[in-house]
Protein backbone atom coordinates (compact mmCIF):
# COMPACT_ATOMS: atom_id res chain seq x y z
CA MET A 1 49.46 -2.98 104.84
CA GLY A 2 52.88 -3.93 104.27
CA LYS A 3 54.20 -2.84 100.34
CA TYR A 4 50.92 -2.46 99.26
CA HIS A 5 50.14 1.14 98.21
CA LEU A 6 46.94 3.16 96.65
CA ALA A 7 48.48 5.23 93.71
CA TRP A 8 46.31 7.60 91.86
CA ASP A 9 47.42 7.89 88.35
CA GLY A 10 45.35 10.82 87.52
CA GLU A 11 41.90 8.58 86.28
CA ARG A 12 41.72 6.05 89.26
CA ILE A 13 42.94 4.41 92.27
CA ARG A 14 44.80 1.56 91.41
CA PRO A 15 46.28 -0.95 94.17
CA ALA A 16 50.26 -0.19 93.34
CA PHE A 17 53.60 -2.44 94.36
CA PRO A 18 57.25 -1.54 94.73
CA GLY A 19 58.57 -3.16 91.64
CA GLY A 20 61.97 -3.60 90.84
CA ARG A 21 65.60 -2.77 93.02
CA LEU A 22 63.09 -0.22 94.28
CA ALA A 23 61.57 -3.67 96.01
CA LEU A 24 64.88 -4.72 97.21
CA ARG A 25 65.97 -1.21 98.39
CA SER A 26 66.04 -0.81 102.36
CA GLU A 27 68.90 1.88 102.89
CA GLY A 28 68.22 2.36 106.37
CA LEU A 29 64.74 3.03 105.95
CA LYS A 30 61.41 1.71 107.08
CA ASN A 31 59.43 2.39 103.99
CA ARG A 32 60.92 3.11 100.37
CA VAL A 33 57.31 5.06 99.43
CA ALA A 34 54.88 7.09 101.39
CA VAL A 35 51.96 8.86 101.05
CA GLY A 36 52.16 11.76 98.67
CA ASP A 37 55.24 10.54 96.83
CA ARG A 38 55.05 10.95 93.27
CA VAL A 39 55.79 7.77 91.53
CA ALA A 40 56.46 6.08 87.71
CA LEU A 41 54.09 3.36 87.44
CA ARG A 42 53.49 0.22 85.08
CA ILE A 43 49.71 -0.72 84.63
CA LEU A 44 49.68 -4.28 84.61
CA GLU A 45 46.98 -6.33 82.43
CA ASP A 46 44.64 -6.54 85.77
CA GLY A 47 44.74 -3.32 86.68
CA SER A 48 47.24 -2.98 89.48
CA ALA A 49 50.76 -1.29 89.08
CA LEU A 50 53.92 -1.50 89.93
CA ILE A 51 55.95 1.28 91.53
CA GLU A 52 59.25 1.65 89.39
CA GLU A 53 60.47 5.00 90.87
CA VAL A 54 59.72 7.65 93.20
CA LEU A 55 60.13 10.79 92.24
CA SER A 56 62.38 13.72 93.62
CA ARG A 57 60.23 14.85 96.93
CA GLY A 58 60.11 18.56 97.77
CA ASN A 59 60.02 17.67 100.97
CA LYS A 60 59.41 14.73 103.56
CA PHE A 61 58.31 14.29 107.28
CA SER A 62 60.01 11.42 108.85
CA ARG A 63 60.60 9.92 112.36
CA ARG A 64 63.31 7.61 114.23
CA ILE A 65 62.52 3.88 114.92
CA THR A 66 63.98 4.02 118.23
CA PHE A 67 64.97 0.30 117.99
CA THR A 68 66.54 0.01 114.76
CA GLY A 69 67.66 3.69 113.78
CA HIS A 70 65.59 3.82 110.91
CA GLU A 71 63.77 6.42 109.13
CA HIS A 72 59.97 6.42 108.97
CA VAL A 73 58.46 8.63 106.36
CA LEU A 74 55.58 9.64 107.42
CA ALA A 75 54.14 11.49 104.18
CA ALA A 76 56.38 13.56 101.56
CA ASN A 77 55.31 16.76 99.35
CA VAL A 78 53.54 18.55 102.47
CA ASP A 79 52.57 21.75 102.71
CA VAL A 80 51.48 21.78 106.61
CA VAL A 81 51.65 19.28 109.42
CA ALA A 82 48.91 19.78 111.65
CA VAL A 83 49.30 18.57 115.40
CA MET A 84 46.38 18.07 116.66
CA LEU A 85 46.14 17.55 120.49
CA ALA A 86 43.34 16.69 122.58
CA PRO A 87 43.07 15.39 126.35
CA THR A 88 44.42 12.23 127.35
CA PRO A 89 43.86 13.73 129.78
CA ASP A 90 46.12 16.50 129.72
CA LEU A 91 47.47 18.15 126.25
CA ASN A 92 50.63 16.54 125.35
CA THR A 93 52.51 20.29 124.28
CA GLY A 94 56.11 17.70 124.32
CA LEU A 95 54.39 15.96 121.66
CA LEU A 96 53.63 19.06 119.76
CA ASP A 97 57.36 20.49 120.43
CA ARG A 98 59.16 17.20 118.80
CA TYR A 99 56.60 17.90 115.80
CA LEU A 100 57.63 20.97 115.55
CA VAL A 101 61.17 20.58 115.81
CA ALA A 102 60.68 17.58 112.51
CA ALA A 103 59.04 19.79 110.78
CA ARG A 104 61.03 22.86 110.84
CA ALA A 105 63.46 20.27 109.95
CA ALA A 106 61.80 19.51 106.86
CA GLY A 107 60.64 23.12 105.82
CA ILE A 108 57.65 22.81 106.43
CA ASP A 109 54.59 24.47 108.13
CA VAL A 110 52.59 24.14 111.75
CA ALA A 111 49.29 24.46 112.29
CA ILE A 112 47.87 23.51 115.96
CA VAL A 113 44.29 21.57 116.24
CA VAL A 114 43.24 21.38 119.62
CA ASN A 115 40.34 19.65 119.38
CA LYS A 116 37.49 17.52 121.81
CA MET A 117 37.23 21.98 123.19
CA ASP A 118 33.80 20.80 124.45
CA ILE A 119 35.36 18.86 126.94
CA LEU A 120 37.91 20.89 127.85
CA THR A 121 38.08 24.04 129.59
CA PRO A 122 39.21 27.50 127.19
CA GLU A 123 41.15 29.01 130.12
CA LEU A 124 43.58 25.75 130.53
CA VAL A 125 43.41 25.51 126.67
CA GLU A 126 45.00 29.15 126.63
CA GLU A 127 47.23 29.07 129.32
CA ALA A 128 49.06 25.55 127.81
CA LEU A 129 49.59 26.94 124.57
CA ALA A 130 50.11 30.74 125.16
CA PRO A 131 53.62 29.92 124.81
CA TYR A 132 52.66 29.05 120.62
CA GLY A 133 50.30 31.55 120.39
CA ALA A 134 53.19 34.17 121.27
CA LEU A 135 55.03 32.44 118.47
CA GLY A 136 53.06 33.05 116.34
CA LEU A 137 51.85 29.76 114.95
CA PRO A 138 48.43 29.78 114.18
CA ILE A 139 45.87 27.86 116.64
CA PHE A 140 42.48 26.28 115.66
CA ARG A 141 39.84 25.14 118.45
CA MET A 142 37.03 22.42 117.72
CA SER A 143 35.11 19.93 118.28
CA ALA A 144 35.12 17.06 115.28
CA LYS A 145 32.28 15.08 117.04
CA ARG A 146 30.49 18.13 117.06
CA LYS A 147 30.99 19.64 114.28
CA ASP A 148 32.16 22.34 115.70
CA GLY A 149 34.66 24.83 114.76
CA LEU A 150 35.89 23.07 111.42
CA GLU A 151 35.72 25.50 109.15
CA PRO A 152 38.34 28.24 109.96
CA PHE A 153 40.92 25.43 109.99
CA LEU A 154 39.75 24.11 106.40
CA HIS A 155 39.77 27.44 105.17
CA ALA A 156 43.08 28.05 106.33
CA VAL A 157 44.40 24.65 104.40
CA LYS A 158 42.26 25.08 101.82
CA GLY A 159 44.43 23.50 98.44
CA LYS A 160 46.96 21.96 100.46
CA TRP A 161 48.27 18.95 101.04
CA VAL A 162 47.87 18.39 105.24
CA LEU A 163 49.34 15.97 107.28
CA LEU A 164 47.02 15.34 110.45
CA ALA A 165 49.67 13.92 113.11
CA GLY A 166 49.29 13.18 116.84
CA HIS A 167 48.57 10.34 119.36
CA SER A 168 46.06 8.13 118.65
CA GLY A 169 42.33 9.07 119.96
CA VAL A 170 43.22 12.87 119.60
CA GLY A 171 40.32 13.10 117.08
CA LYS A 172 42.04 12.95 113.37
CA THR A 173 39.61 10.21 111.53
CA THR A 174 36.62 12.11 113.04
CA LEU A 175 38.05 15.09 111.46
CA VAL A 176 38.06 12.97 108.10
CA ASN A 177 35.29 11.56 108.78
CA ASP A 178 33.57 14.88 108.88
CA VAL A 179 34.76 16.41 106.18
CA ASP A 180 34.79 12.86 103.54
CA PRO A 181 31.77 11.26 104.26
CA GLU A 182 32.40 8.57 101.87
CA GLY A 183 35.66 7.70 103.11
CA ALA A 184 34.54 7.34 106.37
CA LYS A 185 36.40 4.91 108.71
CA ALA A 186 35.67 3.24 112.55
CA VAL A 187 36.65 5.58 115.16
CA GLY A 188 37.95 4.14 118.43
CA ASP A 189 37.36 5.06 121.86
CA VAL A 190 40.22 6.62 124.56
CA ASN A 191 40.91 4.55 127.07
CA PRO A 192 39.92 5.61 130.07
CA GLN A 193 42.20 4.22 132.39
CA THR A 194 45.67 4.75 130.21
CA GLY A 195 44.06 8.00 128.45
CA LYS A 196 45.13 6.42 125.27
CA GLY A 197 43.37 5.83 121.77
CA LYS A 198 42.94 2.70 119.94
CA HIS A 199 44.29 2.84 116.50
CA THR A 200 41.53 2.95 113.97
CA THR A 201 44.06 4.07 111.06
CA THR A 202 47.31 1.68 110.42
CA THR A 203 48.61 3.51 108.11
CA ALA A 204 48.33 6.68 106.04
CA VAL A 205 45.66 7.35 103.75
CA ALA A 206 45.08 10.98 101.63
CA HIS A 207 41.55 11.79 101.63
CA ARG A 208 41.10 14.56 98.36
CA LEU A 209 38.03 16.83 99.50
CA LYS A 210 36.13 18.46 96.68
CA ASP A 211 38.27 21.93 97.35
CA GLY A 212 41.43 20.38 96.35
CA THR A 213 42.68 20.11 100.00
CA VAL A 214 44.08 16.95 100.72
CA LEU A 215 44.16 15.56 104.38
CA VAL A 216 46.83 12.95 104.98
CA ASP A 217 45.04 10.76 108.58
CA THR A 218 47.62 8.84 110.02
CA ALA A 219 48.15 6.23 112.35
CA GLY A 220 48.37 7.35 115.58
CA ILE A 221 51.50 6.82 117.46
CA ARG A 222 52.69 6.77 120.94
CA GLU A 223 56.67 7.62 120.71
CA PHE A 224 58.13 10.62 117.96
CA ALA A 225 61.94 10.25 117.99
CA LEU A 226 63.58 12.77 115.98
CA PHE A 227 65.47 11.59 112.78
CA ASP A 228 68.75 13.33 111.42
CA VAL A 229 68.22 16.41 113.48
CA ASP A 230 71.24 17.88 115.97
CA TRP A 231 71.10 19.96 118.39
CA ARG A 232 71.66 23.06 116.45
CA GLY A 233 68.01 21.89 114.97
CA VAL A 234 66.61 21.58 117.88
CA GLU A 235 67.60 24.94 119.14
CA ALA A 236 66.31 26.81 115.73
CA ALA A 237 63.00 25.28 116.47
CA PHE A 238 62.56 27.20 119.59
CA PRO A 239 62.66 30.83 118.62
CA GLU A 240 62.23 32.46 121.74
CA ILE A 241 65.55 30.23 123.16
CA PHE A 242 67.35 30.81 119.66
CA HIS A 243 67.21 34.52 120.21
CA ALA A 244 67.90 34.62 123.72
CA ALA A 245 70.70 32.65 122.95
CA GLU A 246 72.50 35.62 121.27
CA GLY A 247 73.60 36.81 124.65
CA CYS A 248 75.06 33.48 126.03
CA ARG A 249 79.04 33.92 126.56
CA PHE A 250 79.72 31.34 124.43
CA SER A 251 78.49 30.62 120.41
CA ASP A 252 78.14 27.05 121.50
CA CYS A 253 76.27 26.84 124.85
CA ARG A 254 74.05 24.22 124.75
CA HIS A 255 72.24 26.28 127.65
CA ARG A 256 72.46 23.24 130.21
CA THR A 257 75.43 24.45 133.08
CA GLU A 258 77.00 26.78 130.92
CA PRO A 259 78.27 29.59 132.89
CA ALA A 260 76.52 33.16 131.71
CA CYS A 261 74.00 31.39 130.25
CA ALA A 262 71.17 34.00 129.13
CA VAL A 263 68.68 30.84 127.88
CA ARG A 264 69.11 29.43 131.14
CA ALA A 265 68.71 32.92 132.73
CA ALA A 266 65.36 33.63 131.02
CA ALA A 267 64.19 30.15 132.45
CA GLU A 268 64.29 31.12 135.58
CA GLU A 269 62.81 34.26 135.02
CA GLU A 270 60.13 32.72 133.48
CA THR A 271 60.47 34.93 130.30
CA ILE A 272 61.13 31.54 128.33
CA ALA A 273 58.24 29.36 129.32
CA PRO A 274 59.82 26.08 131.82
CA GLU A 275 57.96 23.83 129.82
CA ARG A 276 59.21 24.90 126.89
CA TYR A 277 63.02 25.04 128.23
CA ALA A 278 62.42 21.60 130.17
CA SER A 279 61.15 20.28 126.68
CA TYR A 280 64.00 21.61 124.88
CA LEU A 281 66.45 20.28 126.75
CA THR A 282 65.09 16.44 126.69
CA LEU A 283 65.51 16.93 123.18
CA ILE A 284 69.26 17.87 122.96
CA GLY A 285 69.74 15.40 125.31
CA GLU A 286 68.05 12.60 122.68
CA VAL A 287 69.89 14.20 119.64
CA GLY A 288 73.38 14.29 121.18
CA GLY A 289 73.11 17.81 122.33
């Protein structure tokens, strides 16, 4: 929608546009206004509004646009990032790790939602997500298409602003359609050859439920590059690596080729999941660690 937004003024939803200096400033940002922002509005005669100011944010969940380096704020003032996983054809825990790093850097809680359990083998799900369950992360299993298993997740996030994140085709829009049928959108299919879904949501849209919960349906993404996170930030988002690092010889050990590295030893002994260690190495390489 470009610079076009929908803003709730306390009574109704209005089309709103950034005005004045706000419309001109970019400052390395892909978007000046994001879903979840609290803004100051000036109502126009035609019923639309100008967004004159973005008020101070409690937090923001961002990614880096790889070809420009600019920040893309996916949502602001978020309580929970719900990372949705589904077979495409496999559960993508590499993307999950990226979301976990970004969420920790932003100070936002994370929930893991495994969708399409009707076509998944429970044992494979348990094996793939065992390292995350061991970290105490909440994991919810459902089949949004069959409206099965939604209640435990909705109960856990009741009254919160929840950002639904994940690849296209994992079922974010289907979940929203189930709980907010009045705001229903088209649902796309997953390409059987690529395993990727069609983008049925092209921008982030907030859906307020009757119990006060707000679900933010985002466009599915194919890449999520970390923004403004250094190697220490990556390490801190891998608690098992962070704690094992206390046994390293050097306090600035990156856990790659340094001698007497307790983390690398733990990965070799598989007390740290090899997949998590490999994901950590990929991410610190990307952030310049």
